[in-house]
Amino acid sequence: MATAMAMNRIQHLSGSNNLVPDWLSKEVSTGTTIMAVEFDGGVVIGADSRTTTGAYIANRVTDKLTPIHDRIFCCRSGSAADTQAIADVVTYQLGFHSIELDEPPLVQTAANLFKEMCYRYREELMAGIIVAGWDKRRGGQVYTVPVGGMLVRQPVSVGGSGSTYVYGYVDSNYKTGMNKEECLRFTAGALSLAMERDGSSGGVCAWPPSLRRG
């Protein structure tokens, strides 16, 4: 009830005096720089932590790295609400899939679930996803699901508004066969550069323990 009254008040002010700040009418966006890199035996993922509403910073320490299963994560960019909703649905579906198989799900299965959701609702959603993880069949894997629902596997993937500032860095510094420590330094360097240049990226560099075998 209180929420409805508050929204009515906002609509009244917006229609009459135009005194409502513009961030009230903007959706929360992850802004974002997200990244994932394959190495021998696992993957490294990372992201900045800033979310914005329009030109305003809504949260400086948002977690954009969402666990989907024990060894599968997704990195989220685009609309915070859209990406959180998709991640929740995929987590739910993948959990049932794992119970039916009585074994951990494949990373590719998780990526395909994200692709199906993003493609089916491509006109309504603003969501760019990187799916990364490890399974016993294919080892460490990184899959990119950009806005629109395409799916492609890549050894290294960057996404979000900050990615445009670091493609050159990624192309120049990525080498096949990098170990875990090299991938961590590579990811930290790319995220730091993006956060320095992109106004929608910022906060801190965040990454979970590397997803690997064992």
C-alpha atoms as a PDB file:
ATOM      1  CA  MET A   1       0.000   0.000   0.000  1.00  0.00           C
ATOM      2  CA  ALA A   2       2.762   2.393   0.935  1.00  0.00           C
ATOM      3  CA  THR A   3       4.599   1.552  -2.284  1.00  0.00           C
ATOM      4  CA  ALA A   4       1.507   2.285  -4.385  1.00  0.00           C
ATOM      5  CA  MET A   5       1.021   5.623  -2.642  1.00  0.00           C
ATOM      6  CA  ALA A   6       4.653   6.511  -3.232  1.00  0.00           C
ATOM      7  CA  MET A   7       4.388   5.655  -6.934  1.00  0.00           C
ATOM      8  CA  ASN A   8       1.219   7.742  -7.263  1.00  0.00           C
ATOM      9  CA  ARG A   9       3.034  10.632  -5.630  1.00  0.00           C
ATOM     10  CA  ILE A  10       5.940  10.284  -8.044  1.00  0.00           C
ATOM     11  CA  GLN A  11       3.610  10.170 -11.047  1.00  0.00           C
ATOM     12  CA  HIS A  12       1.768  13.254  -9.796  1.00  0.00           C
ATOM     13  CA  LEU A  13       4.974  15.212  -9.377  1.00  0.00           C
ATOM     14  CA  SER A  14       6.309  14.043 -12.717  1.00  0.00           C
ATOM     15  CA  GLY A  15       3.169  15.102 -14.525  1.00  0.00           C
ATOM     16  CA  SER A  16       2.762  18.487 -12.859  1.00  0.00           C
ATOM     17  CA  ASN A  17       5.955  20.081 -11.678  1.00  0.00           C
ATOM     18  CA  ASN A  18       8.602  17.956 -13.387  1.00  0.00           C
ATOM     19  CA  LEU A  19      10.555  17.923 -10.114  1.00  0.00           C
ATOM     20  CA  VAL A  20      11.329  14.200 -10.043  1.00  0.00           C
ATOM     21  CA  PRO A  21      15.005  13.371 -10.641  1.00  0.00           C
ATOM     22  CA  ASP A  22      15.549  11.491 -13.891  1.00  0.00           C
ATOM     23  CA  TRP A  23      17.111   8.460 -12.165  1.00  0.00           C
ATOM     24  CA  LEU A  24      13.663   7.520 -10.793  1.00  0.00           C
ATOM     25  CA  SER A  25      12.459   6.788 -14.320  1.00  0.00           C
ATOM     26  CA  LYS A  26      15.553   4.794 -15.366  1.00  0.00           C
ATOM     27  CA  GLU A  27      15.990   1.058 -14.866  1.00  0.00           C
ATOM     28  CA  VAL A  28      18.988  -0.204 -12.936  1.00  0.00           C
ATOM     29  CA  SER A  29      21.731  -1.180 -15.360  1.00  0.00           C
ATOM     30  CA  THR A  30      24.818  -3.235 -14.638  1.00  0.00           C
ATOM     31  CA  GLY A  31      26.762  -0.795 -16.860  1.00  0.00           C
ATOM     32  CA  THR A  32      29.577  -3.160 -16.751  1.00  0.00           C
ATOM     33  CA  THR A  33      32.774  -4.775 -17.783  1.00  0.00           C
ATOM     34  CA  ILE A  34      32.676  -8.571 -17.547  1.00  0.00           C
ATOM     35  CA  MET A  35      35.335 -11.040 -18.638  1.00  0.00           C
ATOM     36  CA  ALA A  36      36.135 -14.759 -18.715  1.00  0.00           C
ATOM     37  CA  VAL A  37      39.270 -16.627 -19.831  1.00  0.00           C
ATOM     38  CA  GLU A  38      39.917 -20.326 -20.351  1.00  0.00           C
ATOM     39  CA  PHE A  39      43.131 -21.901 -19.090  1.00  0.00           C
ATOM     40  CA  ASP A  40      44.360 -25.477 -18.936  1.00  0.00           C
ATOM     41  CA  GLY A  41      42.110 -27.092 -16.367  1.00  0.00           C
ATOM     42  CA  GLY A  42      39.648 -24.291 -15.645  1.00  0.00           C
ATOM     43  CA  VAL A  43      38.488 -20.718 -16.205  1.00  0.00           C
ATOM     44  CA  VAL A  44      39.016 -17.301 -14.637  1.00  0.00           C
ATOM     45  CA  ILE A  45      36.090 -14.849 -14.537  1.00  0.00           C
ATOM     46  CA  GLY A  46      35.891 -11.261 -13.337  1.00  0.00           C
ATOM     47  CA  ALA A  47      33.796  -8.100 -13.387  1.00  0.00           C
ATOM     48  CA  ASP A  48      33.614  -4.573 -12.081  1.00  0.00           C
ATOM     49  CA  SER A  49      31.044  -3.810  -9.366  1.00  0.00           C
ATOM     50  CA  ARG A  50      29.206  -0.621 -10.404  1.00  0.00           C
ATOM     51  CA  THR A  51      25.495  -0.418 -11.268  1.00  0.00           C
ATOM     52  CA  THR A  52      23.845   2.743 -12.557  1.00  0.00           C
ATOM     53  CA  THR A  53      20.419   4.296 -13.078  1.00  0.00           C
ATOM     54  CA  GLY A  54      20.889   6.698 -15.932  1.00  0.00           C
ATOM     55  CA  ALA A  55      23.862   8.905 -15.073  1.00  0.00           C
ATOM     56  CA  TYR A  56      23.673   8.103 -11.356  1.00  0.00           C
ATOM     57  CA  ILE A  57      25.558   5.353  -9.515  1.00  0.00           C
ATOM     58  CA  ALA A  58      23.015   3.095  -7.798  1.00  0.00           C
ATOM     59  CA  ASN A  59      25.469   0.679  -6.181  1.00  0.00           C
ATOM     60  CA  ARG A  60      29.270   0.637  -6.021  1.00  0.00           C
ATOM     61  CA  VAL A  61      29.670  -2.983  -4.918  1.00  0.00           C
ATOM     62  CA  THR A  62      27.223  -5.092  -6.933  1.00  0.00           C
ATOM     63  CA  ASP A  63      28.022  -8.767  -7.532  1.00  0.00           C
ATOM     64  CA  LYS A  64      27.692  -9.402 -11.276  1.00  0.00           C
ATOM     65  CA  LEU A  65      29.105 -12.937 -11.069  1.00  0.00           C
ATOM     66  CA  THR A  66      26.234 -15.320 -10.357  1.00  0.00           C
ATOM     67  CA  PRO A  67      26.702 -19.014  -9.488  1.00  0.00           C
ATOM     68  CA  ILE A  68      24.477 -21.243 -11.622  1.00  0.00           C
ATOM     69  CA  HIS A  69      25.787 -24.551 -10.297  1.00  0.00           C
ATOM     70  CA  ASP A  70      28.783 -25.788  -8.308  1.00  0.00           C
ATOM     71  CA  ARG A  71      31.281 -25.141 -11.120  1.00  0.00           C
ATOM     72  CA  ILE A  72      29.301 -22.921 -13.456  1.00  0.00           C
ATOM     73  CA  PHE A  73      28.978 -19.137 -13.209  1.00  0.00           C
ATOM     74  CA  CYS A  74      27.427 -16.457 -15.377  1.00  0.00           C
ATOM     75  CA  CYS A  75      28.697 -12.897 -15.799  1.00  0.00           C
ATOM     76  CA  ARG A  76      25.838 -10.416 -16.275  1.00  0.00           C
ATOM     77  CA  SER A  77      25.638  -7.200 -18.301  1.00  0.00           C
ATOM     78  CA  GLY A  78      22.658  -5.111 -19.402  1.00  0.00           C
ATOM     79  CA  SER A  79      19.516  -4.608 -17.347  1.00  0.00           C
ATOM     80  CA  ALA A  80      20.109  -5.801 -13.782  1.00  0.00           C
ATOM     81  CA  ALA A  81      16.493  -6.969 -13.424  1.00  0.00           C
ATOM     82  CA  ASP A  82      16.533  -8.888 -16.716  1.00  0.00           C
ATOM     83  CA  THR A  83      19.837 -10.640 -16.081  1.00  0.00           C
ATOM     84  CA  GLN A  84      18.942 -11.569 -12.499  1.00  0.00           C
ATOM     85  CA  ALA A  85      15.611 -13.024 -13.633  1.00  0.00           C
ATOM     86  CA  ILE A  86      17.236 -15.075 -16.399  1.00  0.00           C
ATOM     87  CA  ALA A  87      19.934 -16.351 -14.041  1.00  0.00           C
ATOM     88  CA  ASP A  88      17.293 -17.434 -11.510  1.00  0.00           C
ATOM     89  CA  VAL A  89      15.311 -19.340 -14.154  1.00  0.00           C
ATOM     90  CA  VAL A  90      18.400 -21.090 -15.555  1.00  0.00           C
ATOM     91  CA  THR A  91      19.612 -22.008 -12.056  1.00  0.00           C
ATOM     92  CA  TYR A  92      16.211 -23.562 -11.323  1.00  0.00           C
ATOM     93  CA  GLN A  93      16.099 -25.516 -14.598  1.00  0.00           C
ATOM     94  CA  LEU A  94      19.706 -26.664 -14.337  1.00  0.00           C
ATOM     95  CA  GLY A  95      19.139 -27.907 -10.798  1.00  0.00           C
ATOM     96  CA  PHE A  96      16.309 -30.172 -11.940  1.00  0.00           C
ATOM     97  CA  HIS A  97      18.385 -31.313 -14.921  1.00  0.00           C
ATOM     98  CA  SER A  98      21.241 -32.292 -12.605  1.00  0.00           C
ATOM     99  CA  ILE A  99      18.876 -34.247 -10.333  1.00  0.00           C
ATOM    100  CA  GLU A 100      17.442 -36.154 -13.313  1.00  0.00           C
ATOM    101  CA  LEU A 101      20.919 -37.076 -14.566  1.00  0.00           C
ATOM    102  CA  ASP A 102      22.268 -37.704 -11.052  1.00  0.00           C
ATOM    103  CA  GLU A 103      25.489 -35.928 -12.048  1.00  0.00           C
ATOM    104  CA  PRO A 104      26.756 -32.357 -12.431  1.00  0.00           C
ATOM    105  CA  PRO A 105      25.425 -30.564 -15.527  1.00  0.00           C
ATOM    106  CA  LEU A 106      27.591 -29.614 -18.497  1.00  0.00           C
ATOM    107  CA  VAL A 107      28.667 -26.022 -18.992  1.00  0.00           C
ATOM    108  CA  GLN A 108      27.341 -26.174 -22.556  1.00  0.00           C
ATOM    109  CA  THR A 109      23.913 -27.162 -21.224  1.00  0.00           C
ATOM    110  CA  ALA A 110      23.820 -24.062 -19.037  1.00  0.00           C
ATOM    111  CA  ALA A 111      24.922 -21.906 -21.968  1.00  0.00           C
ATOM    112  CA  ASN A 112      22.173 -23.358 -24.173  1.00  0.00           C
ATOM    113  CA  LEU A 113      19.547 -22.582 -21.525  1.00  0.00           C
ATOM    114  CA  PHE A 114      20.700 -18.955 -21.441  1.00  0.00           C
ATOM    115  CA  LYS A 115      20.668 -18.828 -25.243  1.00  0.00           C
ATOM    116  CA  GLU A 116      17.105 -20.152 -25.426  1.00  0.00           C
ATOM    117  CA  MET A 117      15.859 -17.596 -22.889  1.00  0.00           C
ATOM    118  CA  CYS A 118      17.674 -14.657 -24.471  1.00  0.00           C
ATOM    119  CA  TYR A 119      16.569 -15.576 -27.991  1.00  0.00           C
ATOM    120  CA  ARG A 120      12.931 -16.319 -27.109  1.00  0.00           C
ATOM    121  CA  TYR A 121      12.512 -12.974 -25.346  1.00  0.00           C
ATOM    122  CA  ARG A 122      14.984 -10.977 -27.435  1.00  0.00           C
ATOM    123  CA  GLU A 123      12.448  -8.169 -28.028  1.00  0.00           C
ATOM    124  CA  GLU A 124      11.812  -7.695 -24.303  1.00  0.00           C
ATOM    125  CA  LEU A 125      15.189  -8.361 -22.672  1.00  0.00           C
ATOM    126  CA  MET A 126      18.373  -6.335 -22.489  1.00  0.00           C
ATOM    127  CA  ALA A 127      20.832  -8.990 -21.375  1.00  0.00           C
ATOM    128  CA  GLY A 128      24.372  -9.914 -22.343  1.00  0.00           C
ATOM    129  CA  ILE A 129      25.684 -13.041 -20.627  1.00  0.00           C
ATOM    130  CA  ILE A 130      29.017 -14.847 -20.382  1.00  0.00           C
ATOM    131  CA  VAL A 131      28.708 -18.437 -19.149  1.00  0.00           C
ATOM    132  CA  ALA A 132      31.899 -19.994 -17.791  1.00  0.00           C
ATOM    133  CA  GLY A 133      32.718 -23.143 -15.883  1.00  0.00           C
ATOM    134  CA  TRP A 134      34.333 -26.556 -15.798  1.00  0.00           C
ATOM    135  CA  ASP A 135      32.983 -30.051 -16.418  1.00  0.00           C
ATOM    136  CA  LYS A 136      34.609 -33.446 -16.763  1.00  0.00           C
ATOM    137  CA  ARG A 137      33.720 -33.797 -20.445  1.00  0.00           C
ATOM    138  CA  ARG A 138      35.211 -30.611 -21.936  1.00  0.00           C
ATOM    139  CA  GLY A 139      37.164 -29.029 -19.083  1.00  0.00           C
ATOM    140  CA  GLY A 140      37.154 -25.246 -18.736  1.00  0.00           C
ATOM    141  CA  GLN A 141      34.799 -23.465 -21.138  1.00  0.00           C
ATOM    142  CA  VAL A 142      33.666 -19.924 -21.880  1.00  0.00           C
ATOM    143  CA  TYR A 143      30.467 -19.207 -23.839  1.00  0.00           C
ATOM    144  CA  THR A 144      29.204 -15.800 -24.932  1.00  0.00           C
ATOM    145  CA  VAL A 145      25.471 -15.042 -25.216  1.00  0.00           C
ATOM    146  CA  PRO A 146      25.151 -11.434 -26.452  1.00  0.00           C
ATOM    147  CA  VAL A 147      21.946  -9.408 -26.679  1.00  0.00           C
ATOM    148  CA  GLY A 148      19.678 -11.213 -29.150  1.00  0.00           C
ATOM    149  CA  GLY A 149      20.485 -14.775 -28.120  1.00  0.00           C
ATOM    150  CA  MET A 150      23.438 -15.926 -30.225  1.00  0.00           C
ATOM    151  CA  LEU A 151      25.760 -18.517 -28.655  1.00  0.00           C
ATOM    152  CA  VAL A 152      29.478 -18.937 -29.341  1.00  0.00           C
ATOM    153  CA  ARG A 153      32.336 -20.552 -27.451  1.00  0.00           C
ATOM    154  CA  GLN A 154      35.499 -18.448 -27.140  1.00  0.00           C
ATOM    155  CA  PRO A 155      38.797 -18.913 -25.268  1.00  0.00           C
ATOM    156  CA  VAL A 156      38.438 -15.365 -23.937  1.00  0.00           C
ATOM    157  CA  SER A 157      35.349 -13.168 -23.810  1.00  0.00           C
ATOM    158  CA  VAL A 158      34.677  -9.599 -22.692  1.00  0.00           C
ATOM    159  CA  GLY A 159      31.294  -7.884 -22.489  1.00  0.00           C
ATOM    160  CA  GLY A 160      29.456  -4.819 -21.301  1.00  0.00           C
ATOM    161  CA  SER A 161      29.948  -1.137 -21.997  1.00  0.00           C
ATOM    162  CA  GLY A 162      33.562  -1.195 -20.816  1.00  0.00           C
ATOM    163  CA  SER A 163      34.560  -3.932 -23.245  1.00  0.00           C
ATOM    164  CA  THR A 164      34.879  -1.485 -26.142  1.00  0.00           C
ATOM    165  CA  TYR A 165      37.827   0.156 -24.372  1.00  0.00           C
ATOM    166  CA  VAL A 166      39.857  -3.021 -23.903  1.00  0.00           C
ATOM    167  CA  TYR A 167      39.510  -5.056 -27.105  1.00  0.00           C
ATOM    168  CA  GLY A 168      42.928  -3.828 -28.203  1.00  0.00           C
ATOM    169  CA  TYR A 169      44.460  -4.798 -24.864  1.00  0.00           C
ATOM    170  CA  VAL A 170      42.844  -8.230 -25.024  1.00  0.00           C
ATOM    171  CA  ASP A 171      43.981  -8.874 -28.600  1.00  0.00           C
ATOM    172  CA  SER A 172      47.536  -7.762 -27.806  1.00  0.00           C
ATOM    173  CA  ASN A 173      47.999  -9.585 -24.505  1.00  0.00           C
ATOM    174  CA  TYR A 174      46.029 -12.814 -24.791  1.00  0.00           C
ATOM    175  CA  LYS A 175      48.147 -15.891 -25.483  1.00  0.00           C
ATOM    176  CA  THR A 176      46.995 -19.467 -25.874  1.00  0.00           C
ATOM    177  CA  GLY A 177      48.216 -21.798 -23.157  1.00  0.00           C
ATOM    178  CA  MET A 178      48.271 -19.256 -20.318  1.00  0.00           C
ATOM    179  CA  ASN A 179      48.233 -20.691 -16.797  1.00  0.00           C
ATOM    180  CA  LYS A 180      45.959 -19.631 -13.951  1.00  0.00           C
ATOM    181  CA  GLU A 181      48.243 -16.884 -12.613  1.00  0.00           C
ATOM    182  CA  GLU A 182      48.753 -15.376 -16.074  1.00  0.00           C
ATOM    183  CA  CYS A 183      44.989 -15.387 -16.672  1.00  0.00           C
ATOM    184  CA  LEU A 184      44.392 -13.646 -13.338  1.00  0.00           C
ATOM    185  CA  ARG A 185      46.883 -10.878 -14.185  1.00  0.00           C
ATOM    186  CA  PHE A 186      45.448 -10.587 -17.694  1.00  0.00           C
ATOM    187  CA  THR A 187      41.885 -10.277 -16.386  1.00  0.00           C
ATOM    188  CA  ALA A 188      42.836  -7.768 -13.686  1.00  0.00           C
ATOM    189  CA  GLY A 189      44.652  -5.609 -16.238  1.00  0.00           C
ATOM    190  CA  ALA A 190      41.709  -5.567 -18.644  1.00  0.00           C
ATOM    191  CA  LEU A 191      39.163  -4.768 -15.932  1.00  0.00           C
ATOM    192  CA  SER A 192      41.327  -1.983 -14.492  1.00  0.00           C
ATOM    193  CA  LEU A 193      41.714  -0.328 -17.889  1.00  0.00           C
ATOM    194  CA  ALA A 194      37.985  -0.546 -18.598  1.00  0.00           C
ATOM    195  CA  MET A 195      37.065   0.883 -15.196  1.00  0.00           C
ATOM    196  CA  GLU A 196      39.439   3.783 -15.768  1.00  0.00           C
ATOM    197  CA  ARG A 197      37.905   4.729 -19.130  1.00  0.00           C
ATOM    198  CA  ASP A 198      34.242   3.690 -18.943  1.00  0.00           C
ATOM    199  CA  GLY A 199      31.935   5.877 -16.866  1.00  0.00           C
ATOM    200  CA  SER A 200      29.475   3.014 -16.351  1.00  0.00           C
ATOM    201  CA  SER A 201      32.158   0.667 -14.986  1.00  0.00           C
ATOM    202  CA  GLY A 202      33.818   1.127 -11.620  1.00  0.00           C
ATOM    203  CA  GLY A 203      33.936   0.065  -8.009  1.00  0.00           C
ATOM    204  CA  VAL A 204      36.219  -2.906  -7.459  1.00  0.00           C
ATOM    205  CA  CYS A 205      37.461  -5.829  -9.529  1.00  0.00           C
ATOM    206  CA  ALA A 206      35.707  -8.985  -8.361  1.00  0.00           C
ATOM    207  CA  TRP A 207      36.251 -12.635  -9.139  1.00  0.00           C
ATOM    208  CA  PRO A 208      35.443 -15.891  -7.337  1.00  0.00           C
ATOM    209  CA  PRO A 209      37.962 -18.719  -6.870  1.00  0.00           C
ATOM    210  CA  SER A 210      38.927 -20.025 -10.298  1.00  0.00           C
ATOM    211  CA  LEU A 211      36.632 -22.745 -11.603  1.00  0.00           C
ATOM    212  CA  ARG A 212      38.809 -25.780 -12.193  1.00  0.00           C
ATOM    213  CA  ARG A 213      38.982 -29.551 -11.953  1.00  0.00           C
ATOM    214  CA  GLY A 214      39.436 -31.271  -8.600  1.00  0.00           C
END
